[in-house]
């Protein structure tokens, strides 16, 4: 059994630009970074994918987690403040994978149509682990197709994809038919709380091939981020 998780931790510049609640609750970004770091340090999942990680948070995680492998991909696009000055020493944005063992990177790239979204993939034994963050709206479909093409290049390996897909479970399933998308109970929290009923509130997913998902759930991350923390246990199929 392998425990996995994914969490969009909300880059501070995006939070300020979009008027998210976190800046109001955490006027001191360094304090929010400490709270996020402490949350992650207290988690027991063997594989944790993080999206919207600032350079400041990445540095904090690497210091706080000396016994874990912290792999990362820096996007070619750095977020631009549009409302207030950034409270960051290193405003670059990263995809991050936190592992309980060393992994070998097999891919790290931004999507061609959005230099602030992409994938980071590593190999752990026979398992391919992918952290991803996709754009919203029309670009999402093409990015899902590119993710599917990447998956096909590793068709002989079990794979888990963790991330913020910015779309519904049904949409992901339509582009990745050979994968299983984790389902949550009816009482589970939304992965992306928001008041707009017209937009999906479950956009963060655990997607697997050659694996079985059990005990998928969503934990309340409080006001640290605009997303909740999604986690599950996966088991390797006996046929592999």
C-alpha atoms as a PDB file:
ATOM      1  CA  UNK A   1       0.000   0.000   0.000  1.00  0.00           C
ATOM      2  CA  UNK A   2       1.131   3.542  -0.780  1.00  0.00           C
ATOM      3  CA  UNK A   3      -0.324   6.711   0.714  1.00  0.00           C
ATOM      4  CA  UNK A   4      -0.583   9.749  -1.541  1.00  0.00           C
ATOM      5  CA  UNK A   5      -1.863  13.312  -1.364  1.00  0.00           C
ATOM      6  CA  UNK A   6      -2.237  16.492  -3.398  1.00  0.00           C
ATOM      7  CA  UNK A   7      -2.682  20.097  -2.324  1.00  0.00           C
ATOM      8  CA  UNK A   8      -2.757  23.419  -4.142  1.00  0.00           C
ATOM      9  CA  UNK A   9      -1.154  25.651  -1.509  1.00  0.00           C
ATOM     10  CA  UNK A  10      -2.036  28.982  -3.234  1.00  0.00           C
ATOM     11  CA  UNK A  11       0.859  31.115  -4.397  1.00  0.00           C
ATOM     12  CA  UNK A  12       0.738  34.461  -2.585  1.00  0.00           C
ATOM     13  CA  UNK A  13       0.805  36.555  -5.760  1.00  0.00           C
ATOM     14  CA  UNK A  14      -2.138  34.631  -7.222  1.00  0.00           C
ATOM     15  CA  UNK A  15      -3.968  35.045  -3.916  1.00  0.00           C
ATOM     16  CA  UNK A  16      -3.457  38.818  -3.951  1.00  0.00           C
ATOM     17  CA  UNK A  17      -4.278  39.162  -7.648  1.00  0.00           C
ATOM     18  CA  UNK A  18      -7.556  37.242  -7.329  1.00  0.00           C
ATOM     19  CA  UNK A  19      -8.606  38.681  -3.972  1.00  0.00           C
ATOM     20  CA  UNK A  20      -8.561  35.326  -2.170  1.00  0.00           C
ATOM     21  CA  UNK A  21      -9.311  35.070   1.536  1.00  0.00           C
ATOM     22  CA  UNK A  22      -5.842  33.887   2.599  1.00  0.00           C
ATOM     23  CA  UNK A  23      -4.154  37.304   2.299  1.00  0.00           C
ATOM     24  CA  UNK A  24      -6.774  38.799   4.592  1.00  0.00           C
ATOM     25  CA  UNK A  25      -6.421  36.003   7.121  1.00  0.00           C
ATOM     26  CA  UNK A  26      -2.623  35.911   6.826  1.00  0.00           C
ATOM     27  CA  UNK A  27      -1.330  39.449   6.240  1.00  0.00           C
ATOM     28  CA  UNK A  28       2.148  38.140   7.080  1.00  0.00           C
ATOM     29  CA  UNK A  29       3.053  35.717   4.288  1.00  0.00           C
ATOM     30  CA  UNK A  30       6.006  34.340   6.249  1.00  0.00           C
ATOM     31  CA  UNK A  31       3.574  33.212   8.956  1.00  0.00           C
ATOM     32  CA  UNK A  32       1.344  31.497   6.375  1.00  0.00           C
ATOM     33  CA  UNK A  33       4.385  29.748   4.892  1.00  0.00           C
ATOM     34  CA  UNK A  34       5.282  28.505   8.364  1.00  0.00           C
ATOM     35  CA  UNK A  35       1.729  27.212   8.867  1.00  0.00           C
ATOM     36  CA  UNK A  36       1.751  25.398   5.512  1.00  0.00           C
ATOM     37  CA  UNK A  37       5.184  23.912   6.224  1.00  0.00           C
ATOM     38  CA  UNK A  38       4.088  22.684   9.649  1.00  0.00           C
ATOM     39  CA  UNK A  39       0.952  21.103   8.135  1.00  0.00           C
ATOM     40  CA  UNK A  40       2.970  19.211   5.523  1.00  0.00           C
ATOM     41  CA  UNK A  41       5.657  18.195   8.012  1.00  0.00           C
ATOM     42  CA  UNK A  42       2.925  16.640  10.138  1.00  0.00           C
ATOM     43  CA  UNK A  43       1.451  14.570   7.312  1.00  0.00           C
ATOM     44  CA  UNK A  44       2.342  10.905   6.967  1.00  0.00           C
ATOM     45  CA  UNK A  45       1.589  10.332   3.270  1.00  0.00           C
ATOM     46  CA  UNK A  46       4.512   8.797   1.420  1.00  0.00           C
ATOM     47  CA  UNK A  47       3.933  10.889  -1.709  1.00  0.00           C
ATOM     48  CA  UNK A  48       2.681  14.490  -1.593  1.00  0.00           C
ATOM     49  CA  UNK A  49       2.173  16.654  -4.687  1.00  0.00           C
ATOM     50  CA  UNK A  50       1.991  20.423  -4.228  1.00  0.00           C
ATOM     51  CA  UNK A  51       0.930  23.096  -6.689  1.00  0.00           C
ATOM     52  CA  UNK A  52       1.491  26.887  -6.650  1.00  0.00           C
ATOM     53  CA  UNK A  53       4.572  26.636  -4.437  1.00  0.00           C
ATOM     54  CA  UNK A  54       6.526  29.889  -4.152  1.00  0.00           C
ATOM     55  CA  UNK A  55      10.286  29.894  -3.891  1.00  0.00           C
ATOM     56  CA  UNK A  56       9.974  31.022  -0.283  1.00  0.00           C
ATOM     57  CA  UNK A  57       7.745  28.069   0.581  1.00  0.00           C
ATOM     58  CA  UNK A  58       9.984  25.649  -1.303  1.00  0.00           C
ATOM     59  CA  UNK A  59      12.986  26.803   0.726  1.00  0.00           C
ATOM     60  CA  UNK A  60      10.991  26.412   3.936  1.00  0.00           C
ATOM     61  CA  UNK A  61       9.953  22.865   3.014  1.00  0.00           C
ATOM     62  CA  UNK A  62      13.482  21.795   2.118  1.00  0.00           C
ATOM     63  CA  UNK A  63      14.751  23.001   5.484  1.00  0.00           C
ATOM     64  CA  UNK A  64      11.875  21.446   7.447  1.00  0.00           C
ATOM     65  CA  UNK A  65      11.958  18.049   5.697  1.00  0.00           C
ATOM     66  CA  UNK A  66      15.597  16.890   5.731  1.00  0.00           C
ATOM     67  CA  UNK A  67      14.570  13.220   5.811  1.00  0.00           C
ATOM     68  CA  UNK A  68      12.359  13.438   2.694  1.00  0.00           C
ATOM     69  CA  UNK A  69      13.169  13.902  -0.968  1.00  0.00           C
ATOM     70  CA  UNK A  70      11.813  17.233  -2.241  1.00  0.00           C
ATOM     71  CA  UNK A  71      11.740  17.320  -6.048  1.00  0.00           C
ATOM     72  CA  UNK A  72      10.620  20.421  -7.896  1.00  0.00           C
ATOM     73  CA  UNK A  73      10.088  22.033 -11.283  1.00  0.00           C
ATOM     74  CA  UNK A  74      10.295  25.800 -11.724  1.00  0.00           C
ATOM     75  CA  UNK A  75       7.877  27.208 -14.281  1.00  0.00           C
ATOM     76  CA  UNK A  76       9.317  29.536 -16.944  1.00  0.00           C
ATOM     77  CA  UNK A  77       6.644  32.093 -15.984  1.00  0.00           C
ATOM     78  CA  UNK A  78       6.960  34.009 -12.702  1.00  0.00           C
ATOM     79  CA  UNK A  79       3.649  35.383 -11.358  1.00  0.00           C
ATOM     80  CA  UNK A  80       3.261  39.145 -11.741  1.00  0.00           C
ATOM     81  CA  UNK A  81       1.747  41.210  -8.890  1.00  0.00           C
ATOM     82  CA  UNK A  82      -1.224  43.250 -10.144  1.00  0.00           C
ATOM     83  CA  UNK A  83      -2.649  44.709  -6.931  1.00  0.00           C
ATOM     84  CA  UNK A  84       0.009  44.905  -4.234  1.00  0.00           C
ATOM     85  CA  UNK A  85       3.742  44.326  -4.013  1.00  0.00           C
ATOM     86  CA  UNK A  86       4.747  40.699  -3.487  1.00  0.00           C
ATOM     87  CA  UNK A  87       5.680  39.684   0.048  1.00  0.00           C
ATOM     88  CA  UNK A  88       8.139  37.132  -1.268  1.00  0.00           C
ATOM     89  CA  UNK A  89      11.906  36.935  -1.466  1.00  0.00           C
ATOM     90  CA  UNK A  90      11.677  34.403  -4.327  1.00  0.00           C
ATOM     91  CA  UNK A  91       8.380  34.840  -6.211  1.00  0.00           C
ATOM     92  CA  UNK A  92       9.029  32.030  -8.740  1.00  0.00           C
ATOM     93  CA  UNK A  93       6.385  29.287  -8.894  1.00  0.00           C
ATOM     94  CA  UNK A  94       7.050  25.555  -8.634  1.00  0.00           C
ATOM     95  CA  UNK A  95       5.463  22.133  -8.906  1.00  0.00           C
ATOM     96  CA  UNK A  96       6.723  19.990  -6.026  1.00  0.00           C
ATOM     97  CA  UNK A  97       6.783  16.306  -5.111  1.00  0.00           C
ATOM     98  CA  UNK A  98       7.637  15.287  -1.563  1.00  0.00           C
ATOM     99  CA  UNK A  99       8.672  11.632  -1.300  1.00  0.00           C
ATOM    100  CA  UNK A 100       9.669   9.294   1.507  1.00  0.00           C
ATOM    101  CA  UNK A 101      12.412   7.880  -0.742  1.00  0.00           C
ATOM    102  CA  UNK A 102      14.572   9.164  -3.597  1.00  0.00           C
ATOM    103  CA  UNK A 103      12.936   9.259  -7.011  1.00  0.00           C
ATOM    104  CA  UNK A 104      14.304   9.601 -10.540  1.00  0.00           C
ATOM    105  CA  UNK A 105      12.897  12.465 -12.585  1.00  0.00           C
ATOM    106  CA  UNK A 106      11.491  11.362 -15.956  1.00  0.00           C
ATOM    107  CA  UNK A 107       9.766  14.583 -17.062  1.00  0.00           C
ATOM    108  CA  UNK A 108       9.475  18.217 -16.002  1.00  0.00           C
ATOM    109  CA  UNK A 109       7.833  20.606 -18.412  1.00  0.00           C
ATOM    110  CA  UNK A 110       5.365  23.431 -18.759  1.00  0.00           C
ATOM    111  CA  UNK A 111       2.433  23.201 -21.150  1.00  0.00           C
ATOM    112  CA  UNK A 112       3.087  25.052 -24.398  1.00  0.00           C
ATOM    113  CA  UNK A 113      -0.066  27.152 -24.070  1.00  0.00           C
ATOM    114  CA  UNK A 114       0.499  28.105 -20.422  1.00  0.00           C
ATOM    115  CA  UNK A 115       4.034  28.560 -19.038  1.00  0.00           C
ATOM    116  CA  UNK A 116       2.632  28.574 -15.520  1.00  0.00           C
ATOM    117  CA  UNK A 117       1.122  25.080 -15.660  1.00  0.00           C
ATOM    118  CA  UNK A 118       2.686  21.691 -16.387  1.00  0.00           C
ATOM    119  CA  UNK A 119       3.866  18.332 -15.079  1.00  0.00           C
ATOM    120  CA  UNK A 120       6.619  16.889 -12.914  1.00  0.00           C
ATOM    121  CA  UNK A 121       7.037  13.119 -13.166  1.00  0.00           C
ATOM    122  CA  UNK A 122       9.355  10.804 -11.253  1.00  0.00           C
ATOM    123  CA  UNK A 123       9.899   7.066 -11.138  1.00  0.00           C
ATOM    124  CA  UNK A 124       9.830   5.132  -7.873  1.00  0.00           C
ATOM    125  CA  UNK A 125      10.744   1.559  -8.693  1.00  0.00           C
ATOM    126  CA  UNK A 126       8.130   0.574 -11.283  1.00  0.00           C
ATOM    127  CA  UNK A 127       5.711   3.315 -10.249  1.00  0.00           C
ATOM    128  CA  UNK A 128       5.460   6.578 -12.193  1.00  0.00           C
ATOM    129  CA  UNK A 129       4.300   9.497 -10.025  1.00  0.00           C
ATOM    130  CA  UNK A 130       3.079  12.657 -11.753  1.00  0.00           C
ATOM    131  CA  UNK A 131       2.360  16.006 -10.136  1.00  0.00           C
ATOM    132  CA  UNK A 132       0.344  18.319 -12.367  1.00  0.00           C
ATOM    133  CA  UNK A 133      -1.490  21.622 -12.496  1.00  0.00           C
ATOM    134  CA  UNK A 134      -3.755  22.357 -15.457  1.00  0.00           C
ATOM    135  CA  UNK A 135      -5.259  25.595 -16.726  1.00  0.00           C
ATOM    136  CA  UNK A 136      -8.951  26.289 -16.680  1.00  0.00           C
ATOM    137  CA  UNK A 137     -11.395  26.881 -19.540  1.00  0.00           C
ATOM    138  CA  UNK A 138     -10.570  25.823 -23.101  1.00  0.00           C
ATOM    139  CA  UNK A 139      -6.847  25.170 -22.597  1.00  0.00           C
ATOM    140  CA  UNK A 140      -7.672  22.428 -20.120  1.00  0.00           C
ATOM    141  CA  UNK A 141      -8.824  19.950 -22.764  1.00  0.00           C
ATOM    142  CA  UNK A 142      -5.634  20.087 -24.797  1.00  0.00           C
ATOM    143  CA  UNK A 143      -3.540  19.794 -21.657  1.00  0.00           C
ATOM    144  CA  UNK A 144      -5.481  16.712 -20.613  1.00  0.00           C
ATOM    145  CA  UNK A 145      -4.759  15.221 -24.028  1.00  0.00           C
ATOM    146  CA  UNK A 146      -1.050  15.976 -23.631  1.00  0.00           C
ATOM    147  CA  UNK A 147      -1.135  14.358 -20.198  1.00  0.00           C
ATOM    148  CA  UNK A 148      -2.759  11.293 -21.791  1.00  0.00           C
ATOM    149  CA  UNK A 149      -0.031  11.139 -24.438  1.00  0.00           C
ATOM    150  CA  UNK A 150       2.619  11.262 -21.742  1.00  0.00           C
ATOM    151  CA  UNK A 151       0.875   8.430 -19.898  1.00  0.00           C
ATOM    152  CA  UNK A 152       0.874   6.301 -23.054  1.00  0.00           C
ATOM    153  CA  UNK A 153       4.660   6.626 -23.345  1.00  0.00           C
ATOM    154  CA  UNK A 154       4.830   4.785 -19.998  1.00  0.00           C
ATOM    155  CA  UNK A 155       2.023   2.321 -20.686  1.00  0.00           C
ATOM    156  CA  UNK A 156       3.894  -0.572 -19.085  1.00  0.00           C
ATOM    157  CA  UNK A 157       4.139   1.071 -15.676  1.00  0.00           C
ATOM    158  CA  UNK A 158       1.563   1.682 -12.954  1.00  0.00           C
ATOM    159  CA  UNK A 159       0.976   5.413 -12.634  1.00  0.00           C
ATOM    160  CA  UNK A 160      -0.561   7.859 -10.189  1.00  0.00           C
ATOM    161  CA  UNK A 161      -1.326  11.427 -11.259  1.00  0.00           C
ATOM    162  CA  UNK A 162      -1.867  13.945  -8.476  1.00  0.00           C
ATOM    163  CA  UNK A 163      -2.893  17.527  -8.878  1.00  0.00           C
ATOM    164  CA  UNK A 164      -5.188  20.441  -9.521  1.00  0.00           C
ATOM    165  CA  UNK A 165      -6.890  19.622 -12.820  1.00  0.00           C
ATOM    166  CA  UNK A 166      -9.144  22.707 -12.753  1.00  0.00           C
ATOM    167  CA  UNK A 167     -12.022  20.573 -13.994  1.00  0.00           C
ATOM    168  CA  UNK A 168     -14.438  17.915 -12.863  1.00  0.00           C
ATOM    169  CA  UNK A 169     -13.868  14.230 -12.292  1.00  0.00           C
ATOM    170  CA  UNK A 170     -16.069  13.436 -15.305  1.00  0.00           C
ATOM    171  CA  UNK A 171     -14.007  15.645 -17.617  1.00  0.00           C
ATOM    172  CA  UNK A 172     -10.774  14.002 -16.487  1.00  0.00           C
ATOM    173  CA  UNK A 173     -12.255  10.542 -17.046  1.00  0.00           C
ATOM    174  CA  UNK A 174     -13.245  11.512 -20.584  1.00  0.00           C
ATOM    175  CA  UNK A 175      -9.628  12.250 -21.525  1.00  0.00           C
ATOM    176  CA  UNK A 176      -7.969   9.488 -19.483  1.00  0.00           C
ATOM    177  CA  UNK A 177     -10.272   6.491 -20.058  1.00  0.00           C
ATOM    178  CA  UNK A 178      -7.665   3.915 -19.018  1.00  0.00           C
ATOM    179  CA  UNK A 179      -7.339   5.571 -15.607  1.00  0.00           C
ATOM    180  CA  UNK A 180      -9.484   5.461 -12.484  1.00  0.00           C
ATOM    181  CA  UNK A 181     -10.271   8.743 -10.716  1.00  0.00           C
ATOM    182  CA  UNK A 182     -10.668   8.576  -6.947  1.00  0.00           C
ATOM    183  CA  UNK A 183     -14.210   9.089  -5.680  1.00  0.00           C
ATOM    184  CA  UNK A 184     -15.107  10.712  -2.386  1.00  0.00           C
ATOM    185  CA  UNK A 185     -18.071  10.038  -0.156  1.00  0.00           C
ATOM    186  CA  UNK A 186     -21.150  12.265  -0.413  1.00  0.00           C
ATOM    187  CA  UNK A 187     -20.187  13.821   2.909  1.00  0.00           C
ATOM    188  CA  UNK A 188     -16.641  14.725   1.817  1.00  0.00           C
ATOM    189  CA  UNK A 189     -15.570  18.347   1.747  1.00  0.00           C
ATOM    190  CA  UNK A 190     -15.120  19.988  -1.657  1.00  0.00           C
ATOM    191  CA  UNK A 191     -11.519  20.093  -2.815  1.00  0.00           C
ATOM    192  CA  UNK A 192     -11.959  23.730  -3.904  1.00  0.00           C
ATOM    193  CA  UNK A 193     -14.534  25.448  -1.674  1.00  0.00           C
ATOM    194  CA  UNK A 194     -16.369  28.294  -3.397  1.00  0.00           C
ATOM    195  CA  UNK A 195     -19.888  29.693  -3.423  1.00  0.00           C
ATOM    196  CA  UNK A 196     -20.450  29.513  -7.192  1.00  0.00           C
ATOM    197  CA  UNK A 197     -22.633  26.435  -7.892  1.00  0.00           C
ATOM    198  CA  UNK A 198     -22.013  26.723 -11.635  1.00  0.00           C
ATOM    199  CA  UNK A 199     -18.322  25.838 -11.219  1.00  0.00           C
ATOM    200  CA  UNK A 200     -17.042  22.465 -10.055  1.00  0.00           C
ATOM    201  CA  UNK A 201     -15.976  22.369  -6.429  1.00  0.00           C
ATOM    202  CA  UNK A 202     -14.057  19.099  -6.855  1.00  0.00           C
ATOM    203  CA  UNK A 203     -11.148  19.871  -9.180  1.00  0.00           C
ATOM    204  CA  UNK A 204      -8.217  18.264  -7.342  1.00  0.00           C
ATOM    205  CA  UNK A 205      -7.858  14.606  -8.208  1.00  0.00           C
ATOM    206  CA  UNK A 206      -5.994  11.387  -7.554  1.00  0.00           C
ATOM    207  CA  UNK A 207      -5.883   9.483 -10.853  1.00  0.00           C
ATOM    208  CA  UNK A 208      -4.433   5.976 -11.150  1.00  0.00           C
ATOM    209  CA  UNK A 209      -3.616   3.247 -13.671  1.00  0.00           C
ATOM    210  CA  UNK A 210      -2.610  -0.239 -12.561  1.00  0.00           C
ATOM    211  CA  UNK A 211      -3.554   0.736  -9.007  1.00  0.00           C
ATOM    212  CA  UNK A 212      -6.636   0.630  -6.821  1.00  0.00           C
ATOM    213  CA  UNK A 213      -7.684   3.633  -4.732  1.00  0.00           C
ATOM    214  CA  UNK A 214      -9.053   3.118  -1.231  1.00  0.00           C
ATOM    215  CA  UNK A 215      -9.899   5.528   1.572  1.00  0.00           C
ATOM    216  CA  UNK A 216      -9.893   8.678  -0.561  1.00  0.00           C
ATOM    217  CA  UNK A 217     -10.847  11.737   1.475  1.00  0.00           C
ATOM    218  CA  UNK A 218     -10.514  15.502   1.748  1.00  0.00           C
ATOM    219  CA  UNK A 219      -9.152  17.271   4.831  1.00  0.00           C
ATOM    220  CA  UNK A 220      -9.993  20.853   5.713  1.00  0.00           C
ATOM    221  CA  UNK A 221      -6.840  22.942   5.281  1.00  0.00           C
ATOM    222  CA  UNK A 222      -8.354  25.866   7.139  1.00  0.00           C
ATOM    223  CA  UNK A 223      -7.523  29.301   5.804  1.00  0.00           C
ATOM    224  CA  UNK A 224      -4.003  28.368   4.704  1.00  0.00           C
ATOM    225  CA  UNK A 225      -5.135  27.956   1.092  1.00  0.00           C
ATOM    226  CA  UNK A 226      -8.177  28.189  -1.174  1.00  0.00           C
ATOM    227  CA  UNK A 227      -7.954  24.411  -1.724  1.00  0.00           C
ATOM    228  CA  UNK A 228      -8.370  21.541   0.700  1.00  0.00           C
ATOM    229  CA  UNK A 229      -5.955  18.641   1.158  1.00  0.00           C
ATOM    230  CA  UNK A 230      -6.824  15.500  -0.863  1.00  0.00           C
ATOM    231  CA  UNK A 231      -5.377  12.128   0.135  1.00  0.00           C
ATOM    232  CA  UNK A 232      -5.834   8.399  -0.386  1.00  0.00           C
ATOM    233  CA  UNK A 233      -4.251   4.978  -0.109  1.00  0.00           C
ATOM    234  CA  UNK A 234      -3.457   3.139  -3.341  1.00  0.00           C
ATOM    235  CA  UNK A 235      -2.601  -0.526  -3.818  1.00  0.00           C
ATOM    236  CA  UNK A 236      -0.828  -2.104  -6.768  1.00  0.00           C
ATOM    237  CA  UNK A 237      -3.074  -4.381  -8.817  1.00  0.00           C
ATOM    238  CA  UNK A 238      -2.216  -8.054  -8.414  1.00  0.00           C
ATOM    239  CA  UNK A 239      -1.936  -8.530 -12.190  1.00  0.00           C
ATOM    240  CA  UNK A 240       1.100  -6.244 -12.413  1.00  0.00           C
END
